[in-house]
Protein backbone atom coordinates (compact mmCIF):
# COMPACT_ATOMS: atom_id res chain seq x y z
CA MET A 1 -24.65 -11.74 14.23
CA THR A 2 -21.26 -12.75 14.39
CA THR A 3 -18.07 -10.56 15.57
CA LEU A 4 -14.61 -10.92 14.03
CA ASP A 5 -11.87 -11.35 16.60
CA VAL A 6 -10.13 -7.96 17.02
CA THR A 7 -8.96 -8.36 20.27
CA SER A 8 -5.11 -7.96 19.50
CA ARG A 9 -3.46 -4.42 19.04
CA SER A 10 -0.87 -3.19 16.59
CA HIS A 11 2.13 -1.25 16.95
CA CYS A 12 1.96 2.43 15.89
CA GLN A 13 2.80 2.53 12.21
CA VAL A 14 4.81 5.67 12.67
CA CYS A 15 6.86 5.30 15.62
CA GLY A 16 6.72 1.72 16.34
CA GLN A 17 5.59 1.86 19.96
CA LYS A 18 2.56 0.14 21.42
CA ARG A 19 1.35 2.69 24.02
CA TRP A 20 -2.04 3.66 23.19
CA GLN A 21 -5.06 6.07 24.53
CA ASP A 22 -8.21 4.95 23.12
CA LEU A 23 -10.35 7.72 21.69
CA ASN A 24 -13.44 5.71 20.48
CA THR A 25 -14.55 2.43 18.96
CA LEU A 26 -16.15 2.39 15.41
CA THR A 27 -18.44 -0.34 14.65
CA GLY A 28 -18.35 -1.71 11.10
CA GLY A 29 -19.15 -4.97 9.06
CA ILE A 30 -20.85 -6.42 6.30
CA TRP A 31 -23.99 -8.57 5.58
CA ASN A 32 -23.53 -12.27 5.21
CA THR A 33 -25.54 -12.93 2.10
CA SER A 34 -24.71 -16.71 1.75
CA ALA A 35 -28.11 -17.78 2.91
CA VAL A 36 -31.52 -16.18 2.33
CA GLU A 37 -31.69 -14.85 6.01
CA LEU A 38 -28.98 -11.83 6.35
CA GLU A 39 -26.53 -12.37 9.13
CA ARG A 40 -24.53 -9.44 10.20
CA GLN A 41 -20.65 -9.83 10.46
CA GLU A 42 -19.67 -7.03 12.92
CA ILE A 43 -16.22 -5.72 13.34
CA ASP A 44 -15.21 -3.17 16.30
CA PHE A 45 -12.41 -0.99 15.41
CA THR A 46 -10.46 0.95 18.24
CA ILE A 47 -9.38 4.35 17.36
CA SER A 48 -6.33 5.26 19.34
CA GLN A 49 -3.77 7.80 19.69
CA CYS A 50 -0.14 6.87 20.26
CA LEU A 51 1.29 8.25 23.60
CA SER A 52 4.67 8.21 22.16
CA CYS A 53 4.35 10.35 18.98
CA GLN A 54 0.69 11.40 19.17
CA HIS A 55 -0.25 9.83 15.75
CA VAL A 56 -3.85 8.72 15.55
CA GLN A 57 -4.73 5.22 13.93
CA ILE A 58 -7.05 2.43 14.33
CA SER A 59 -5.04 0.18 16.71
CA THR A 60 -6.94 -3.10 15.95
CA VAL A 61 -4.87 -5.50 14.06
CA TYR A 62 -5.92 -5.74 10.37
CA THR A 63 -6.22 -9.61 9.69
CA GLU A 64 -6.85 -10.94 6.31
CA ASP A 65 -10.48 -11.65 7.26
CA ILE A 66 -10.92 -7.98 8.14
CA PHE A 67 -9.47 -6.87 4.83
CA LYS A 68 -11.79 -9.32 2.96
CA ALA A 69 -14.95 -8.08 4.89
CA LEU A 70 -13.89 -4.42 4.14
CA TYR A 71 -12.72 -4.72 0.58
CA PHE A 72 -15.59 -7.17 -0.27
CA SER A 73 -16.05 -5.77 -3.91
CA ASN A 74 -13.17 -6.12 -6.50
CA THR A 75 -14.96 -4.16 -9.24
CA SER A 76 -17.04 -1.28 -7.89
CA GLU A 77 -15.59 1.94 -6.87
CA PRO A 78 -17.07 3.79 -3.85
CA ASP A 79 -18.96 7.26 -4.44
CA MET A 80 -16.38 9.83 -2.70
CA TRP A 81 -17.97 12.96 -3.74
CA CYS A 82 -21.42 14.49 -4.22
CA ASN A 83 -22.02 16.08 -7.67
CA THR A 84 -20.17 19.11 -8.43
CA PRO A 85 -22.37 22.09 -8.92
CA THR A 86 -22.67 23.79 -12.42
CA GLY A 87 -19.80 26.10 -12.99
CA ALA A 88 -17.72 24.85 -10.05
CA ARG A 89 -14.42 22.97 -10.29
CA SER A 90 -14.59 19.09 -9.48
CA PRO A 91 -12.28 17.58 -6.81
CA TYR A 92 -10.07 16.00 -9.64
CA GLN A 93 -9.80 19.46 -11.27
CA GLU A 94 -8.97 20.89 -8.12
CA MET A 95 -6.19 18.28 -7.55
CA VAL A 96 -4.61 19.02 -11.00
CA ASP A 97 -4.81 22.68 -10.21
CA PHE A 98 -2.66 22.08 -7.35
CA PHE A 99 0.23 20.11 -8.90
CA GLU A 100 0.07 21.31 -12.59
CA ASP A 101 3.34 23.36 -11.99
CA TYR A 102 5.11 19.90 -11.57
CA ILE A 103 3.75 18.46 -14.97
CA GLN A 104 6.52 18.77 -17.47
CA PRO A 105 6.56 17.43 -21.08
CA ASN A 106 7.39 13.68 -21.43
CA SER A 107 6.91 13.23 -17.84
CA ASN A 108 6.20 9.65 -16.28
CA VAL A 109 3.22 10.09 -14.15
CA VAL A 110 2.05 7.09 -11.74
CA ASP A 111 -0.92 7.13 -9.73
CA PHE A 112 -0.68 4.86 -6.85
CA GLY A 113 -4.03 3.53 -5.83
CA ALA A 114 -5.65 4.83 -9.10
CA GLY A 115 -8.98 3.35 -8.54
CA ALA A 116 -11.09 4.31 -11.54
CA GLY A 117 -8.26 6.67 -12.68
CA LEU A 118 -10.22 9.76 -12.52
CA THR A 119 -7.06 11.99 -11.64
CA LEU A 120 -5.13 10.45 -14.45
CA LYS A 121 -8.05 11.19 -16.90
CA GLN A 122 -8.29 14.62 -15.83
CA ILE A 123 -4.57 14.91 -16.48
CA GLU A 124 -4.88 13.48 -19.76
CA LYS A 125 -7.73 15.84 -20.80
CA ASP A 126 -6.02 18.89 -19.55
CA PHE A 127 -2.41 18.27 -20.92
CA PRO A 128 -2.93 16.49 -24.18
CA GLN A 129 -0.02 18.26 -25.96
CA LEU A 130 2.58 17.30 -23.26
CA ASN A 131 3.27 13.52 -24.37
CA LEU A 132 2.82 12.23 -20.80
CA VAL A 133 3.23 8.49 -19.88
CA LEU A 134 0.47 7.70 -17.58
CA ASN A 135 0.51 4.73 -15.42
CA SER A 136 -2.06 3.03 -12.64
CA VAL A 137 -0.93 1.13 -9.90
CA ASP A 138 -3.61 -0.77 -7.93
CA PHE A 139 -4.89 -4.07 -6.86
CA HIS A 140 -7.38 -4.28 -9.81
CA ASP A 141 -7.59 -2.54 -13.39
CA ASN A 142 -10.61 -0.46 -12.99
CA ILE A 143 -9.73 1.80 -15.67
CA GLN A 144 -9.29 -0.40 -18.86
CA SER A 145 -7.76 2.29 -20.92
CA ASN A 146 -5.70 1.99 -24.00
CA THR A 147 -3.82 5.30 -23.26
CA ILE A 148 -3.11 4.39 -19.40
CA ASN A 149 -0.74 1.66 -18.61
CA HIS A 150 -1.64 -0.51 -15.69
CA ILE A 151 0.65 -2.26 -13.16
CA SER A 152 -1.19 -4.69 -10.71
CA ALA A 153 0.22 -4.46 -7.06
CA ASP A 154 -0.46 -4.59 -3.47
CA LEU A 155 -0.36 -1.41 -2.20
CA ASN A 156 0.74 -2.53 1.17
CA ASN A 157 3.88 -4.14 -0.47
CA LEU A 158 4.98 -1.72 -3.36
CA SER A 159 8.59 -3.09 -3.10
CA GLU A 160 7.36 -6.10 -5.22
CA ILE A 161 6.92 -3.52 -8.38
CA ALA A 162 10.10 -1.71 -7.99
CA GLN A 163 11.64 -3.26 -11.15
CA SER A 164 8.74 -1.63 -13.26
CA PHE A 165 10.55 1.63 -12.74
CA ASN A 166 14.22 0.46 -13.51
CA SER A 167 14.22 1.84 -16.91
CA SER A 168 11.91 4.85 -16.37
CA THR A 169 11.93 6.61 -12.91
CA ILE A 170 8.92 8.43 -11.81
CA ASP A 171 8.81 12.32 -12.51
CA LEU A 172 5.28 12.78 -10.81
CA ALA A 173 3.86 10.21 -8.34
CA ILE A 174 0.20 10.71 -7.32
CA SER A 175 -1.78 9.14 -4.53
CA THR A 176 -5.18 10.47 -3.74
CA HIS A 177 -7.25 9.20 -0.72
CA VAL A 178 -4.93 6.21 -0.51
CA LEU A 179 -2.53 7.12 2.40
CA GLU A 180 -5.23 6.67 5.02
CA HIS A 181 -5.86 3.16 3.77
CA VAL A 182 -2.36 1.37 3.75
CA LEU A 183 -0.96 -0.38 6.81
CA SER A 184 2.33 1.53 6.88
CA PRO A 185 2.29 5.02 5.61
CA VAL A 186 5.97 5.58 6.24
CA ASP A 187 6.73 2.21 4.04
CA PHE A 188 4.31 3.41 1.42
CA LEU A 189 6.12 6.86 0.90
CA LEU A 190 9.73 5.15 1.02
CA ASP A 191 8.94 2.84 -1.56
CA ILE A 192 7.51 5.56 -3.76
CA ALA A 193 10.39 7.80 -3.01
CA LYS A 194 13.09 5.34 -4.02
CA ASN A 195 11.62 5.27 -7.62
CA LEU A 196 11.52 9.10 -8.05
CA SER A 197 13.60 10.92 -10.54
CA HIS A 198 16.30 13.19 -9.45
CA ASP A 199 13.67 16.18 -9.24
CA GLY A 200 10.68 13.85 -8.84
CA THR A 201 7.50 15.09 -7.06
CA ILE A 202 4.86 13.34 -5.09
CA PHE A 203 1.19 14.62 -4.72
CA ILE A 204 -0.99 13.19 -1.85
CA GLU A 205 -4.25 14.20 -0.78
CA VAL A 206 -5.94 12.70 2.17
CA PRO A 207 -9.00 13.59 4.52
CA ASP A 208 -8.05 16.28 6.85
CA SER A 209 -8.62 15.62 10.35
CA GLY A 210 -7.42 18.93 11.49
CA GLU A 211 -8.93 22.04 12.60
CA ASN A 212 -11.15 22.67 9.35
CA ALA A 213 -12.90 19.33 10.30
CA THR A 214 -14.24 20.52 13.57
CA ARG A 215 -16.67 23.10 11.54
CA LEU A 216 -18.32 20.49 9.45
CA ASN A 217 -21.14 17.89 9.60
CA LEU A 218 -18.91 14.96 9.97
CA GLU A 219 -21.72 12.20 10.55
CA PHE A 220 -22.43 12.08 6.74
CA THR A 221 -18.87 11.87 5.67
CA ASN A 222 -16.75 8.78 5.75
CA LEU A 223 -13.97 10.49 7.48
CA ILE A 224 -14.17 7.88 10.27
CA HIS A 225 -14.45 4.61 8.37
CA GLY A 226 -12.99 1.10 9.12
CA GLN A 227 -11.00 1.41 5.83
CA HIS A 228 -9.35 4.44 7.13
CA ILE A 229 -6.54 3.05 9.26
CA HIS A 230 -4.70 6.41 9.62
CA TYR A 231 -5.90 10.00 10.57
CA TYR A 232 -3.95 12.93 9.25
CA THR A 233 -3.27 16.56 10.12
CA LEU A 234 -0.90 18.82 8.16
CA GLU A 235 1.73 18.38 11.25
CA SER A 236 1.35 14.48 11.44
CA LEU A 237 1.52 13.99 7.59
CA ASN A 238 4.65 16.35 7.52
CA ALA A 239 6.27 14.14 10.45
CA ILE A 240 5.50 10.97 8.45
CA ALA A 241 7.00 12.40 5.23
CA HIS A 242 10.16 13.60 7.26
CA LYS A 243 10.68 10.09 8.38
CA ALA A 244 10.52 8.91 4.81
CA GLY A 245 12.98 11.44 3.79
CA LEU A 246 10.54 13.76 2.22
CA ASN A 247 9.74 17.35 2.78
CA VAL A 248 6.45 19.17 2.45
CA VAL A 249 7.06 22.05 0.04
CA LYS A 250 3.40 22.98 -0.79
CA TYR A 251 0.15 22.31 1.00
CA LYS A 252 -3.54 23.36 0.87
CA HIS A 253 -6.68 23.01 3.14
CA LEU A 254 -9.90 22.80 1.22
CA ILE A 255 -13.56 21.61 1.90
CA THR A 256 -15.80 19.91 -0.69
CA GLY A 257 -19.53 19.63 0.66
CA ASP A 258 -18.44 18.49 4.14
CA ILE A 259 -15.31 16.71 3.33
CA PRO A 260 -12.36 18.30 4.84
CA ARG A 261 -9.29 17.76 2.37
CA LEU A 262 -5.49 18.19 2.72
CA MET A 263 -3.31 18.22 -0.23
CA VAL A 264 0.59 18.37 -0.14
CA ILE A 265 3.53 18.26 -2.48
CA LEU A 266 6.44 16.16 -1.30
CA LYS A 267 10.08 16.40 -2.62
CA LYS A 268 12.99 14.26 -1.50
CA SER A 269 15.26 15.87 1.18
CA THR A 270 18.88 15.69 1.02
CA GLU A 271 19.26 12.84 3.22
CA LEU A 272 16.98 10.16 4.95
CA ASN A 273 16.14 11.11 8.46
CA SER A 274 14.77 8.15 10.29
CA SER A 275 14.00 10.26 13.30
CA LEU A 276 10.24 11.53 13.77
CA THR A 277 9.64 15.32 13.91
CA THR A 278 7.13 16.17 16.42
CA ILE A 279 3.64 15.83 15.73
CA GLY A 280 2.33 17.46 18.87
CA LYS A 281 -1.05 17.41 20.24
CA HIS A 282 -3.77 18.72 17.83
CA SER A 283 -7.41 18.89 17.17
CA ILE A 284 -7.72 15.42 15.82
CA THR A 285 -9.19 13.99 19.15
CA GLU A 286 -11.81 16.73 19.11
CA VAL A 287 -12.66 15.76 15.55
CA ILE A 288 -13.16 11.97 16.37
CA THR A 289 -15.14 13.08 19.47
CA LEU A 290 -17.42 15.38 17.33
CA ARG A 291 -18.03 12.72 14.67
CA PHE A 292 -19.26 10.27 17.00
CA ASN A 293 -21.38 12.79 18.95
CA GLN A 294 -23.00 13.78 15.61
CA TYR A 295 -23.57 10.28 14.42
CA ASN A 296 -25.07 9.09 17.78
CA THR A 297 -27.37 12.11 17.75
CA TYR A 298 -28.53 11.23 14.19
CA LEU A 299 -29.20 7.72 15.15
CA LEU A 300 -31.16 8.80 18.33
CA ASN A 301 -33.29 11.36 16.45
CA SER A 302 -33.99 9.03 13.64
CA GLN A 303 -35.12 6.51 15.90
CA LYS A 304 -37.61 9.03 17.43
CA LYS A 305 -38.86 10.00 14.03
CA ILE A 306 -39.74 6.46 13.11
CA LEU A 307 -41.32 5.77 16.20
CA ALA A 308 -43.42 8.80 16.05
CA LEU A 309 -44.63 7.91 12.66
CA LEU A 310 -45.58 4.37 13.87
CA GLU A 311 -47.43 5.71 16.99
CA GLN A 312 -49.32 7.88 14.53
CA GLY A 313 -50.55 4.54 12.77
CA HIS A 314 -48.43 4.97 9.64
CA GLN A 315 -46.89 2.06 7.99
CA VAL A 316 -43.08 3.11 7.21
CA GLY A 317 -40.80 1.89 4.52
CA LEU A 318 -37.05 2.04 5.24
CA TRP A 319 -34.78 2.28 2.24
CA GLY A 320 -31.27 1.23 2.26
CA ILE A 321 -30.48 -1.83 4.50
CA GLY A 322 -26.92 -1.30 5.18
CA GLY A 323 -24.68 -0.34 8.25
CA ASP A 324 -26.44 2.71 9.25
CA PHE A 325 -29.68 0.49 9.34
CA HIS A 326 -27.93 -1.94 11.29
CA LEU A 327 -26.88 0.55 14.05
CA LEU A 328 -30.20 2.18 13.85
CA ILE A 329 -32.15 -1.02 14.80
CA LYS A 330 -29.58 -2.71 17.01
CA SER A 331 -30.17 -0.48 20.07
CA CYS A 332 -34.11 -0.11 19.67
CA THR A 333 -36.01 -3.32 20.18
CA LYS A 334 -39.19 -1.39 19.25
CA LEU A 335 -38.05 -1.03 15.70
CA LEU A 336 -37.28 -4.62 15.57
CA ASP A 337 -40.69 -5.52 16.74
CA ALA A 338 -42.22 -3.21 14.09
CA ILE A 339 -40.32 -4.98 11.39
CA ILE A 340 -41.63 -8.49 12.54
CA GLN A 341 -45.31 -7.11 12.68
CA GLU A 342 -44.62 -5.68 9.30
CA ASP A 343 -45.40 -2.14 10.46
CA ILE A 344 -41.77 -1.50 8.80
CA ILE A 345 -41.25 -2.66 5.49
CA LEU A 346 -37.62 -3.03 4.24
CA TYR A 347 -36.40 -1.88 0.77
CA ASP A 348 -33.07 -2.35 -0.83
CA MET A 349 -31.76 -2.64 -4.41
CA SER A 350 -28.95 -5.24 -3.89
CA LEU A 351 -30.61 -7.12 -1.01
CA ALA A 352 -33.82 -7.72 -2.43
CA GLY A 353 -35.16 -11.07 -1.96
CA HIS A 354 -33.07 -11.85 1.18
CA THR A 355 -34.86 -11.70 4.54
CA PHE A 356 -34.21 -9.77 7.81
CA ASN A 357 -35.90 -11.25 10.80
CA GLY A 358 -37.83 -13.47 8.58
CA LYS A 359 -39.23 -10.73 6.70
CA THR A 360 -38.48 -10.40 2.83
CA ILE A 361 -36.56 -7.29 1.77
CA GLN A 362 -38.35 -5.64 -1.35
CA PRO A 363 -36.69 -4.26 -4.34
CA SER A 364 -36.39 -0.30 -4.15
CA SER A 365 -38.38 -0.07 -7.42
CA LYS A 366 -41.56 -1.12 -5.48
CA LEU A 367 -41.39 2.35 -3.66
CA GLU A 368 -42.24 4.02 -6.77
CA ASN A 369 -45.92 3.99 -6.38
CA ASN A 370 -46.35 2.90 -2.86
CA GLU A 371 -48.57 4.90 -0.41
CA LEU A 372 -46.43 4.31 2.76
CA ILE A 373 -44.06 6.78 4.22
CA ALA A 374 -40.61 5.80 2.93
CA LEU A 375 -37.46 7.03 4.50
CA ILE A 376 -33.91 7.01 3.31
CA VAL A 377 -31.83 5.46 5.83
CA PRO A 378 -28.15 5.79 4.71
CA ILE A 379 -26.52 9.12 6.22
CA TYR A 380 -23.40 9.17 3.79
CA GLY A 381 -23.83 12.24 1.64
CA PRO A 382 -23.13 10.79 -1.67
CA THR A 383 -25.14 7.90 -1.17
CA ARG A 384 -28.25 9.93 -0.09
CA GLU A 385 -27.73 12.31 -3.04
CA LYS A 386 -27.70 9.13 -5.33
CA MET A 387 -30.79 7.89 -3.75
CA ASN A 388 -32.70 11.23 -3.85
CA ASN A 389 -31.91 11.54 -7.58
CA ILE A 390 -33.13 8.17 -8.38
CA SER A 391 -36.42 8.82 -6.56
CA GLN A 392 -37.09 12.21 -8.38
CA LEU A 393 -39.56 10.69 -10.79
CA TRP A 394 -41.36 8.50 -8.44
CA GLN A 395 -45.00 9.25 -7.29
CA THR A 396 -43.96 8.32 -3.94
CA LYS A 397 -40.99 10.85 -2.50
CA PRO A 398 -38.97 9.22 -0.02
CA ILE A 399 -38.07 11.34 3.02
CA ASP A 400 -34.49 11.92 3.75
CA ILE A 401 -34.26 11.15 7.31
CA TYR A 402 -31.19 13.36 8.02
CA SER A 403 -33.10 16.47 6.70
CA GLN A 404 -35.86 15.62 8.94
CA VAL A 405 -34.34 15.20 12.18
């Protein structure tokens, strides 16, 4: 296992100070798959609260190597949501419902960090009669659409594409689950605001780290994640918007599954105010603590569940050899010994053929008619749902560890 150097600390990306109260440390990383034997490249992210303005962010400096490790895939989009129940509104429909009053005929609509373009496609589907100009801005063109224009851009340096809006300013800017990823949320909003039309509007959705989150099972969300540099409540988002010369004119808290969401509409204020309105102390520290407590409890109970099965003489299959697996076995030498002794067999679709501690990882398809007790390891809700769906037709039904502990 290797660890990236993350000893240096960044300044607060809101007020510029460097006075931190550390809240917790998130361990992330990726597998180095350059050789047959897997090696874990581990990264520790320190989550801190600024003692000057109370903003919460990961204070670890994000180097180029860290960004490469976090965003190692240029093509695949992460699963953000579980499947929408029949008859319910999808998250993208709920977003459009929230900002539809700001969509006017012939509007220039730009989605910053559009990803697969699901929000733009929902707008296109709902308003075919409005003759809208739809644009995606992102590192890569993952939409590949004939009706949606794409502008390649570094989301951490939007000033480079300002000329793209010289002839047509933005009537509606959209950015969903992006503001938590960018290095400087103030600069990101400033660059968008500079290109708004006179009555232009910005729609933002971010994970909500406010009071709603304290009532949820946060351990199987990605609310706390190495890609999430910043953590927002309505108060902190309003303060950041204010510093970028914007005002919150509409907001909504909602929950999808166990994912707390915060939606806001921003409008340009009459003058830029570089001062920072008070963020104040809020429940975000409680949310951070709750998530880590819940996740650590999951790891401990899962270890106990697996060890109990081994003590009963069962051979156990662990399905999903990712970050949760790494943390599950990292602190439990008995599980490592069981893997070496082949009392535990490892399964993974993308890592099949590689070895871990000298033992070959099997393809997931080999679980289909296997007599061992197979356990789903990943805890993230959408991933678990997908794995459960894949195994529905199998003779062997893998056990969802989370539902058993």
